[in-house]
Amino acid sequence: MDSAARAPGVAGGPGLGRAMLAEDGAQREDKRPNAPNGLQQPPRSVAQRGTPAPGQPLPGGGSRTEATVKDQEPEPARKDEDESSEESGQGRHEEALMAELSELVREVVKSSSWWERHGVDVCILALSFLLLPAGFLCLRSVRAVPFLAGVVILGVVHHTLTVKGSHLASHNALTESKSWGKVWAIFFIELCSAFTAEQATYNHVKIHHGYTNVIGLGDSSTWKLPFLNRYVYMFIAPLAVPVITPLVALDLLRNVKLKTALRTICFMLLGLYSHYWILLHVSGFQSVWSALLCMLVTRSLLAHPYIHVNIFQHIGLPMFAADRKPKRIQLMSLGVLNLPRNALLDWSFGHSLISCHVEHHLFPGLSDNMCLKVAPGAPAEEAGGVRGAFRKAPCEAEVTQPAASVHPGRGGERADARTQRDKRRPEAGSRHGPH
């Protein structure tokens, strides 16, 4: 007990007095004698006061057993706690940043007119409809230039209606009314695109936007036809998109109600037959096969850039495991890419699929024109507004699996290089990604 009660390092220490025991032997004084220079020294620490007997309380609370357990706590556990605390703090910061950004965008939308919110895109779609008669009439010409002009007009109009129109309709970005939004979705997706509106909306809005670049969930994490050679996939397969699309739709109809399936089939047949009938009776095609070939050409005219846009905006960028994906604003800054502006693709595909894809993934309910308005590069935005909030977005995250691993075979080196390069992007809200 004497050795346990004596303060270690005190007896025999130069210039230090010995601690005096109280008469009952239970307490010891906390004051130390003055140092040789006459200055008052601070009270002794718990370690200098000695270690109490087992079961007795430590000065300041706690017991000897608790102190021993705490002293013996492994360093990795403490490190994990520190990392968890840092991750929690980072998560709260990102949530606060997303809330700030959402509020700024909400203010911009609220202050915008109907023309800015919906009118510009509705006007583009309406003008595309007005160009249809000119395209069909140009196909009547026996001269090459007017005939090719008709093919180009019908091809651009078709992709404007089926890509831009269907995309905006699936997000209900064409109108404020949900009922009219469903009508437009059926019109653009089923009648014009020969696909099922319910499955298109579910796969795109719920899966693709809900699990962007999440391995095994988001539809952007894998190639659609991985058994194809990459050259076939990128340059030959797009020509078959008009044929594959309705076949895939018929397969997906097994997952919907019978009433919905019958409606979808009727609208798909109506859209395809109307196109075929007009080619025969308005454009003057003499044979069935020539009309079908023209349908294939016009419907696949921009299929190559459509497939390439889908590839380069997600595949090749960082992929994440479902249980380790970062917060939404960080995920979108790493797993989504803005492409350079292009007049033809901006018109036919829309800004939300080309130069404002990051903004679209953050705020999918915005129309193409509104995505362009709130984008960081918009001339009307100052550094302290939406543009400034975009540039505050975090730009680092832990990549749990390189993007090259989801590529089926060749071309993995390019994808892996892009993944490593994009792990540290200078600005999460930059207008254009690497290209």
Protein backbone atom coordinates (compact mmCIF):
# COMPACT_ATOMS: atom_id res chain seq x y z
CA MET A 1 0.00 0.00 0.00
CA ASP A 2 2.86 2.35 0.70
CA SER A 3 4.20 1.95 -2.80
CA ALA A 4 0.73 2.36 -4.21
CA ALA A 5 0.06 5.53 -2.28
CA ARG A 6 3.36 7.24 -2.96
CA ALA A 7 3.47 9.63 -5.90
CA PRO A 8 5.93 8.17 -8.41
CA GLY A 9 8.78 10.41 -9.37
CA VAL A 10 8.28 12.75 -6.38
CA ALA A 11 10.58 11.28 -3.76
CA GLY A 12 14.15 12.07 -4.64
CA GLY A 13 13.19 14.64 -7.26
CA PRO A 14 15.38 17.78 -7.13
CA GLY A 15 13.64 20.83 -5.65
CA LEU A 16 10.42 18.90 -4.97
CA GLY A 17 8.94 18.46 -1.46
CA ARG A 18 7.52 15.20 -0.23
CA ALA A 19 3.75 14.80 -0.07
CA MET A 20 2.29 14.82 3.41
CA LEU A 21 -0.27 12.22 4.38
CA ALA A 22 -3.33 13.22 6.38
CA GLU A 23 -3.86 11.67 9.81
CA ASP A 24 -6.49 9.22 8.52
CA GLY A 25 -4.24 8.24 5.58
CA ALA A 26 -7.03 8.71 3.04
CA GLN A 27 -6.22 12.12 1.54
CA ARG A 28 -3.14 13.88 0.26
CA GLU A 29 -2.56 17.57 -0.26
CA ASP A 30 -2.82 18.96 -3.77
CA LYS A 31 -0.42 21.83 -3.28
CA ARG A 32 3.23 21.49 -4.05
CA PRO A 33 5.95 23.57 -2.37
CA ASN A 34 7.39 26.51 -4.16
CA ALA A 35 10.18 25.90 -6.61
CA PRO A 36 13.65 27.18 -5.80
CA ASN A 37 13.06 30.29 -7.88
CA GLY A 38 10.09 31.22 -5.72
CA LEU A 39 7.41 30.59 -8.39
CA GLN A 40 4.28 28.64 -7.46
CA GLN A 41 4.10 25.39 -9.43
CA PRO A 42 0.81 24.05 -10.74
CA PRO A 43 -1.05 21.26 -8.90
CA ARG A 44 0.14 17.77 -9.56
CA SER A 45 -1.59 15.68 -12.18
CA VAL A 46 -3.39 12.46 -11.55
CA ALA A 47 -0.35 10.53 -12.67
CA GLN A 48 1.84 12.40 -10.15
CA ARG A 49 -0.64 11.98 -7.33
CA GLY A 50 -0.38 8.24 -7.46
CA THR A 51 -2.70 5.42 -8.40
CA PRO A 52 -5.58 4.70 -6.02
CA ALA A 53 -6.26 1.20 -4.84
CA PRO A 54 -8.51 -1.00 -6.96
CA GLY A 55 -12.16 -0.05 -6.66
CA GLN A 56 -11.40 3.43 -5.33
CA PRO A 57 -12.44 6.45 -7.37
CA LEU A 58 -9.91 8.41 -9.38
CA PRO A 59 -9.66 12.16 -8.82
CA GLY A 60 -12.12 13.82 -11.15
CA GLY A 61 -14.36 10.77 -11.39
CA GLY A 62 -14.09 7.29 -12.83
CA SER A 63 -12.45 4.19 -11.46
CA ARG A 64 -9.11 2.50 -11.82
CA THR A 65 -10.67 -0.22 -13.96
CA GLU A 66 -12.19 2.33 -16.36
CA ALA A 67 -8.91 4.18 -16.61
CA THR A 68 -7.06 0.94 -17.34
CA VAL A 69 -9.52 -0.04 -20.06
CA LYS A 70 -9.31 3.42 -21.58
CA ASP A 71 -5.52 3.37 -21.52
CA GLN A 72 -5.53 -0.05 -23.14
CA GLU A 73 -8.01 0.94 -25.86
CA PRO A 74 -6.51 -0.04 -29.24
CA GLU A 75 -5.38 2.75 -31.51
CA PRO A 76 -7.25 1.46 -34.61
CA ALA A 77 -10.57 1.78 -32.77
CA ARG A 78 -9.82 5.39 -31.88
CA LYS A 79 -8.76 6.04 -35.47
CA ASP A 80 -12.01 4.57 -36.78
CA GLU A 81 -13.95 6.82 -34.42
CA ASP A 82 -12.04 9.85 -35.67
CA GLU A 83 -12.69 8.87 -39.28
CA SER A 84 -16.37 8.32 -38.58
CA SER A 85 -16.56 11.73 -36.96
CA GLU A 86 -14.86 13.34 -39.95
CA GLU A 87 -17.18 11.55 -42.39
CA SER A 88 -20.18 12.65 -40.37
CA GLY A 89 -18.98 16.25 -40.42
CA GLN A 90 -18.30 16.06 -44.16
CA GLY A 91 -21.77 14.58 -44.71
CA ARG A 92 -23.43 17.41 -42.81
CA HIS A 93 -21.41 19.94 -44.80
CA GLU A 94 -22.50 18.38 -48.10
CA GLU A 95 -26.13 18.26 -46.99
CA ALA A 96 -25.96 21.92 -46.04
CA LEU A 97 -24.35 22.73 -49.40
CA MET A 98 -27.06 20.83 -51.28
CA ALA A 99 -29.75 22.61 -49.27
CA GLU A 100 -28.17 25.98 -50.09
CA LEU A 101 -27.91 25.10 -53.76
CA SER A 102 -31.51 23.85 -53.86
CA GLU A 103 -32.76 27.06 -52.29
CA LEU A 104 -30.87 29.20 -54.81
CA VAL A 105 -32.23 27.17 -57.72
CA ARG A 106 -35.74 27.35 -56.26
CA GLU A 107 -35.47 31.13 -56.13
CA VAL A 108 -34.31 31.27 -59.76
CA VAL A 109 -37.20 29.04 -60.88
CA LYS A 110 -39.70 31.08 -58.87
CA SER A 111 -38.53 34.32 -60.44
CA SER A 112 -38.60 32.88 -63.97
CA SER A 113 -41.52 33.30 -66.35
CA TRP A 114 -43.52 30.46 -67.90
CA TRP A 115 -41.68 31.09 -71.16
CA GLU A 116 -38.36 30.40 -69.46
CA ARG A 117 -39.60 27.43 -67.43
CA HIS A 118 -41.48 25.61 -70.23
CA GLY A 119 -42.17 27.88 -73.20
CA VAL A 120 -38.78 27.71 -74.90
CA ASP A 121 -38.72 23.91 -74.99
CA VAL A 122 -42.39 23.64 -75.96
CA CYS A 123 -41.67 26.04 -78.83
CA ILE A 124 -38.77 23.87 -80.05
CA LEU A 125 -41.01 20.81 -80.05
CA ALA A 126 -43.81 22.69 -81.83
CA LEU A 127 -41.45 23.96 -84.53
CA SER A 128 -40.26 20.40 -85.05
CA PHE A 129 -43.85 19.32 -85.73
CA LEU A 130 -44.25 22.15 -88.22
CA LEU A 131 -41.18 20.91 -90.12
CA LEU A 132 -42.69 17.44 -90.68
CA PRO A 133 -44.72 18.36 -93.81
CA ALA A 134 -41.66 19.95 -95.41
CA GLY A 135 -39.60 16.83 -94.75
CA PHE A 136 -42.19 14.44 -96.20
CA LEU A 137 -42.71 16.63 -99.27
CA CYS A 138 -38.96 16.85 -99.93
CA LEU A 139 -38.90 13.06 -100.19
CA ARG A 140 -41.14 13.31 -103.29
CA SER A 141 -38.33 14.93 -105.26
CA VAL A 142 -36.36 12.83 -107.71
CA ARG A 143 -33.32 15.07 -107.29
CA ALA A 144 -30.70 14.12 -104.73
CA VAL A 145 -30.37 17.40 -102.82
CA PRO A 146 -34.07 17.91 -101.94
CA PHE A 147 -34.42 14.21 -101.19
CA LEU A 148 -31.44 14.23 -98.81
CA ALA A 149 -32.76 17.42 -97.24
CA GLY A 150 -36.01 15.60 -96.53
CA VAL A 151 -34.12 12.72 -94.92
CA VAL A 152 -32.15 15.14 -92.70
CA ILE A 153 -35.27 17.10 -91.73
CA LEU A 154 -37.21 13.98 -90.78
CA GLY A 155 -34.21 12.53 -88.92
CA VAL A 156 -33.64 15.64 -86.84
CA VAL A 157 -37.35 16.06 -86.13
CA HIS A 158 -37.70 12.42 -85.14
CA HIS A 159 -34.86 12.64 -82.59
CA THR A 160 -36.11 15.97 -81.28
CA LEU A 161 -39.49 14.42 -80.52
CA THR A 162 -38.25 11.04 -79.33
CA VAL A 163 -35.17 12.12 -77.34
CA LYS A 164 -35.80 15.67 -76.16
CA GLY A 165 -39.59 15.35 -75.96
CA SER A 166 -39.58 11.92 -74.32
CA HIS A 167 -36.87 12.93 -71.85
CA LEU A 168 -38.65 16.07 -70.71
CA ALA A 169 -41.98 14.26 -70.56
CA SER A 170 -40.55 11.47 -68.40
CA HIS A 171 -39.50 14.13 -65.85
CA ASN A 172 -42.78 16.05 -66.22
CA ALA A 173 -40.73 19.09 -67.22
CA LEU A 174 -43.08 20.24 -70.01
CA THR A 175 -45.96 21.35 -67.83
CA GLU A 176 -46.92 22.07 -64.24
CA SER A 177 -49.82 19.62 -64.41
CA LYS A 178 -49.20 15.96 -63.60
CA SER A 179 -52.22 14.90 -65.68
CA TRP A 180 -50.97 16.70 -68.78
CA GLY A 181 -47.49 15.42 -68.01
CA LYS A 182 -48.77 11.85 -68.29
CA VAL A 183 -50.49 12.69 -71.57
CA TRP A 184 -47.28 14.12 -73.01
CA ALA A 185 -45.32 11.10 -71.76
CA ILE A 186 -47.66 8.71 -73.59
CA PHE A 187 -47.55 10.84 -76.73
CA PHE A 188 -43.78 11.28 -76.97
CA ILE A 189 -42.65 7.93 -75.54
CA GLU A 190 -45.26 5.53 -76.93
CA LEU A 191 -46.62 7.19 -80.09
CA CYS A 192 -43.40 8.84 -81.30
CA SER A 193 -40.72 6.56 -79.82
CA ALA A 194 -42.51 3.18 -79.93
CA PHE A 195 -41.66 2.44 -76.29
CA THR A 196 -43.56 1.95 -73.05
CA ALA A 197 -44.07 5.11 -71.01
CA GLU A 198 -44.30 3.39 -67.62
CA GLN A 199 -41.12 1.36 -68.02
CA ALA A 200 -39.23 4.24 -69.62
CA THR A 201 -40.12 6.53 -66.73
CA TYR A 202 -39.30 3.90 -64.11
CA ASN A 203 -35.96 2.86 -65.63
CA HIS A 204 -34.83 6.40 -66.27
CA VAL A 205 -36.20 8.38 -63.32
CA LYS A 206 -36.18 5.78 -60.57
CA ILE A 207 -33.20 3.63 -61.53
CA HIS A 208 -30.85 5.78 -63.59
CA HIS A 209 -31.33 8.99 -61.59
CA GLY A 210 -31.75 7.18 -58.28
CA TYR A 211 -28.60 5.09 -58.62
CA THR A 212 -26.36 6.98 -61.03
CA ASN A 213 -23.05 5.13 -61.48
CA VAL A 214 -23.88 2.72 -58.65
CA ILE A 215 -22.54 -0.69 -59.55
CA GLY A 216 -25.26 -3.19 -60.35
CA LEU A 217 -28.14 -0.71 -59.99
CA GLY A 218 -27.87 2.37 -62.16
CA ASP A 219 -28.36 1.57 -65.82
CA SER A 220 -25.37 3.78 -66.69
CA SER A 221 -22.89 1.44 -64.98
CA THR A 222 -22.76 -1.20 -67.73
CA TRP A 223 -22.80 -1.55 -71.48
CA LYS A 224 -26.21 -2.53 -72.80
CA LEU A 225 -24.86 -5.25 -75.11
CA PRO A 226 -21.52 -6.27 -73.56
CA PHE A 227 -21.06 -9.23 -75.91
CA LEU A 228 -20.56 -6.91 -78.88
CA ASN A 229 -17.19 -5.75 -80.08
CA ARG A 230 -16.66 -2.07 -79.16
CA TYR A 231 -16.50 -0.99 -82.81
CA VAL A 232 -19.69 -2.86 -83.59
CA TYR A 233 -21.29 -1.43 -80.46
CA MET A 234 -20.42 2.17 -81.27
CA PHE A 235 -20.69 2.30 -85.07
CA ILE A 236 -22.91 -0.51 -86.35
CA ALA A 237 -25.33 -1.37 -83.55
CA PRO A 238 -26.82 2.18 -83.41
CA LEU A 239 -28.30 1.56 -86.86
CA ALA A 240 -30.49 -1.14 -85.31
CA VAL A 241 -31.89 1.09 -82.55
CA PRO A 242 -35.23 1.70 -84.38
CA VAL A 243 -35.71 -2.08 -84.61
CA ILE A 244 -34.45 -2.96 -81.12
CA THR A 245 -36.51 -0.29 -79.33
CA PRO A 246 -40.03 -1.70 -79.97
CA LEU A 247 -38.80 -5.26 -79.38
CA VAL A 248 -37.42 -4.30 -75.98
CA ALA A 249 -40.67 -2.49 -75.23
CA LEU A 250 -42.70 -5.61 -75.98
CA ASP A 251 -40.52 -7.61 -73.61
CA LEU A 252 -40.96 -5.01 -70.85
CA LEU A 253 -44.75 -5.07 -71.20
CA ARG A 254 -44.75 -8.29 -69.17
CA ASN A 255 -44.14 -6.11 -66.10
CA VAL A 256 -47.19 -3.85 -66.54
CA LYS A 257 -50.93 -4.32 -66.25
CA LEU A 258 -52.87 -5.77 -69.17
CA LYS A 259 -54.76 -2.52 -69.74
CA THR A 260 -51.52 -0.56 -69.86
CA ALA A 261 -49.92 -3.12 -72.17
CA LEU A 262 -52.81 -2.94 -74.63
CA ARG A 263 -52.70 0.86 -74.65
CA THR A 264 -48.96 0.84 -75.27
CA ILE A 265 -49.23 -1.64 -78.14
CA CYS A 266 -51.98 0.41 -79.78
CA PHE A 267 -50.01 3.66 -79.62
CA MET A 268 -46.81 1.98 -80.80
CA LEU A 269 -48.59 0.48 -83.83
CA LEU A 270 -50.34 3.78 -84.53
CA GLY A 271 -47.06 5.70 -84.55
CA LEU A 272 -45.21 3.20 -86.75
CA TYR A 273 -48.05 2.71 -89.20
CA SER A 274 -48.66 6.47 -89.50
CA HIS A 275 -45.04 7.00 -90.48
CA TYR A 276 -45.24 4.17 -93.02
CA TRP A 277 -48.58 5.36 -94.47
CA ILE A 278 -47.36 8.94 -94.96
CA LEU A 279 -44.26 7.72 -96.79
CA LEU A 280 -46.44 5.74 -99.20
CA HIS A 281 -49.25 8.26 -99.78
CA VAL A 282 -47.54 11.63 -99.28
CA SER A 283 -43.88 11.07 -100.11
CA GLY A 284 -44.73 8.78 -103.02
CA PHE A 285 -42.72 5.68 -102.21
CA GLN A 286 -43.66 2.87 -104.57
CA SER A 287 -42.69 -0.21 -102.57
CA VAL A 288 -43.02 -1.42 -99.00
CA TRP A 289 -39.31 -2.09 -98.61
CA SER A 290 -38.27 1.35 -99.80
CA ALA A 291 -40.63 2.94 -97.27
CA LEU A 292 -39.34 0.69 -94.48
CA LEU A 293 -35.74 1.50 -95.43
CA CYS A 294 -36.50 5.21 -95.32
CA MET A 295 -38.07 4.77 -91.88
CA LEU A 296 -34.94 2.99 -90.69
CA VAL A 297 -32.62 5.67 -92.04
CA THR A 298 -34.53 8.65 -90.65
CA ARG A 299 -35.11 7.02 -87.25
CA SER A 300 -31.41 6.14 -86.90
CA LEU A 301 -29.97 9.35 -88.36
CA LEU A 302 -28.71 10.63 -84.95
CA ALA A 303 -28.53 7.25 -83.23
CA HIS A 304 -24.72 7.31 -83.24
CA PRO A 305 -24.34 10.57 -81.27
CA TYR A 306 -27.18 9.43 -79.01
CA ILE A 307 -25.33 6.23 -78.09
CA HIS A 308 -22.00 8.05 -77.78
CA VAL A 309 -23.49 10.71 -75.51
CA ASN A 310 -24.87 8.01 -73.22
CA ILE A 311 -21.47 6.34 -73.11
CA PHE A 312 -19.24 9.31 -72.46
CA GLN A 313 -21.47 10.96 -69.87
CA HIS A 314 -21.26 8.04 -67.43
CA ILE A 315 -19.24 5.02 -68.53
CA GLY A 316 -15.55 5.66 -67.89
CA LEU A 317 -16.29 7.87 -64.89
CA PRO A 318 -15.98 6.65 -61.28
CA MET A 319 -18.38 3.92 -60.18
CA PHE A 320 -19.44 3.34 -56.56
CA ALA A 321 -20.63 0.45 -54.45
CA ALA A 322 -24.20 0.78 -53.20
CA ASP A 323 -23.15 0.79 -49.54
CA ARG A 324 -20.28 3.25 -49.98
CA LYS A 325 -21.57 5.82 -52.42
CA PRO A 326 -21.01 9.48 -51.45
CA LYS A 327 -23.65 12.11 -50.89
CA ARG A 328 -25.78 13.15 -53.84
CA ILE A 329 -23.99 16.40 -54.68
CA GLN A 330 -20.60 14.68 -54.57
CA LEU A 331 -21.84 11.68 -56.54
CA MET A 332 -23.16 13.88 -59.32
CA SER A 333 -19.95 15.90 -59.46
CA LEU A 334 -17.92 12.73 -60.04
CA GLY A 335 -20.21 10.34 -61.90
CA VAL A 336 -21.77 12.74 -64.42
CA LEU A 337 -20.07 14.69 -67.20
CA ASN A 338 -21.07 17.83 -69.08
CA LEU A 339 -20.22 17.73 -72.78
CA PRO A 340 -19.31 20.73 -74.95
CA ARG A 341 -22.22 22.62 -76.47
CA ASN A 342 -23.30 21.63 -79.96
CA ALA A 343 -26.02 23.45 -81.87
CA LEU A 344 -27.50 20.34 -83.51
CA LEU A 345 -27.44 18.19 -80.37
CA ASP A 346 -28.65 21.04 -78.15
CA TRP A 347 -31.68 21.35 -80.40
CA SER A 348 -32.47 17.67 -80.91
CA PHE A 349 -31.35 16.18 -77.55
CA GLY A 350 -31.64 19.17 -75.24
CA HIS A 351 -29.22 20.97 -72.91
CA SER A 352 -29.97 18.59 -70.06
CA LEU A 353 -28.43 15.71 -72.03
CA ILE A 354 -25.47 17.61 -73.46
CA SER A 355 -23.93 20.63 -71.75
CA CYS A 356 -26.01 20.70 -68.55
CA HIS A 357 -26.12 17.03 -67.61
CA VAL A 358 -24.72 17.59 -64.11
CA GLU A 359 -27.32 20.26 -63.43
CA HIS A 360 -30.02 17.95 -64.80
CA HIS A 361 -29.00 15.13 -62.44
CA LEU A 362 -29.03 17.49 -59.48
CA PHE A 363 -32.41 18.98 -60.43
CA PRO A 364 -34.13 16.55 -62.84
CA GLY A 365 -37.44 18.40 -62.79
CA LEU A 366 -36.00 21.43 -64.61
CA SER A 367 -36.56 21.89 -68.33
CA ASP A 368 -33.65 22.16 -70.73
CA ASN A 369 -33.83 25.94 -70.81
CA MET A 370 -33.90 26.18 -67.01
CA CYS A 371 -30.92 23.83 -66.71
CA LEU A 372 -29.04 26.18 -69.00
CA LYS A 373 -30.16 29.18 -66.95
CA VAL A 374 -28.96 27.83 -63.60
CA ALA A 375 -25.74 26.35 -65.01
CA PRO A 376 -22.48 27.82 -63.64
CA GLY A 377 -21.50 29.23 -67.02
CA ALA A 378 -24.72 31.15 -67.53
CA PRO A 379 -23.83 34.80 -68.26
CA ALA A 380 -26.59 36.09 -66.00
CA GLU A 381 -25.29 34.24 -62.94
CA GLU A 382 -22.81 35.93 -60.64
CA ALA A 383 -20.12 34.15 -58.62
CA GLY A 384 -22.08 34.55 -55.43
CA GLY A 385 -25.32 33.04 -56.74
CA VAL A 386 -26.07 29.64 -58.19
CA ARG A 387 -22.73 29.62 -59.94
CA GLY A 388 -20.88 30.11 -56.66
CA ALA A 389 -22.85 27.38 -54.95
CA PHE A 390 -22.09 24.94 -57.76
CA ARG A 391 -18.40 25.66 -57.47
CA LYS A 392 -18.45 24.88 -53.75
CA ALA A 393 -19.45 21.29 -54.47
CA PRO A 394 -16.97 18.73 -53.13
CA CYS A 395 -14.79 17.16 -55.78
CA GLU A 396 -13.28 14.12 -54.08
CA ALA A 397 -14.73 10.75 -53.18
CA GLU A 398 -13.53 7.24 -52.54
CA VAL A 399 -13.89 5.17 -55.66
CA THR A 400 -14.68 1.63 -54.63
CA GLN A 401 -14.24 0.06 -58.06
CA PRO A 402 -12.53 1.42 -61.17
CA ALA A 403 -14.78 2.10 -64.11
CA ALA A 404 -12.62 -0.04 -66.37
CA SER A 405 -13.80 -3.15 -64.55
CA VAL A 406 -17.32 -2.77 -65.95
CA HIS A 407 -16.05 -2.62 -69.53
CA PRO A 408 -16.33 -6.04 -71.18
CA GLY A 409 -12.88 -6.51 -72.58
CA ARG A 410 -10.96 -4.08 -74.73
CA GLY A 411 -10.73 -0.37 -74.11
CA GLY A 412 -10.28 -0.83 -70.35
CA GLU A 413 -7.00 1.06 -70.30
CA ARG A 414 -8.69 4.22 -71.60
CA ALA A 415 -11.54 3.94 -69.11
CA ASP A 416 -9.16 3.31 -66.20
CA ALA A 417 -7.06 6.31 -67.17
CA ARG A 418 -10.14 8.52 -67.29
CA THR A 419 -11.20 7.19 -63.89
CA GLN A 420 -7.87 8.05 -62.30
CA ARG A 421 -7.87 11.47 -63.95
CA ASP A 422 -11.40 12.28 -62.83
CA LYS A 423 -10.86 11.31 -59.19
CA ARG A 424 -9.67 14.85 -58.54
CA ARG A 425 -11.61 17.25 -60.72
CA PRO A 426 -10.67 20.91 -60.22
CA GLU A 427 -14.25 22.16 -60.17
CA ALA A 428 -17.26 20.00 -59.55
CA GLY A 429 -19.48 22.51 -61.29
CA SER A 430 -17.33 23.23 -64.30
CA ARG A 431 -19.11 23.71 -67.55
CA HIS A 432 -17.28 21.02 -69.45
CA GLY A 433 -15.51 17.90 -68.37
CA PRO A 434 -12.36 16.49 -69.92
CA HIS A 435 -12.61 15.70 -73.58
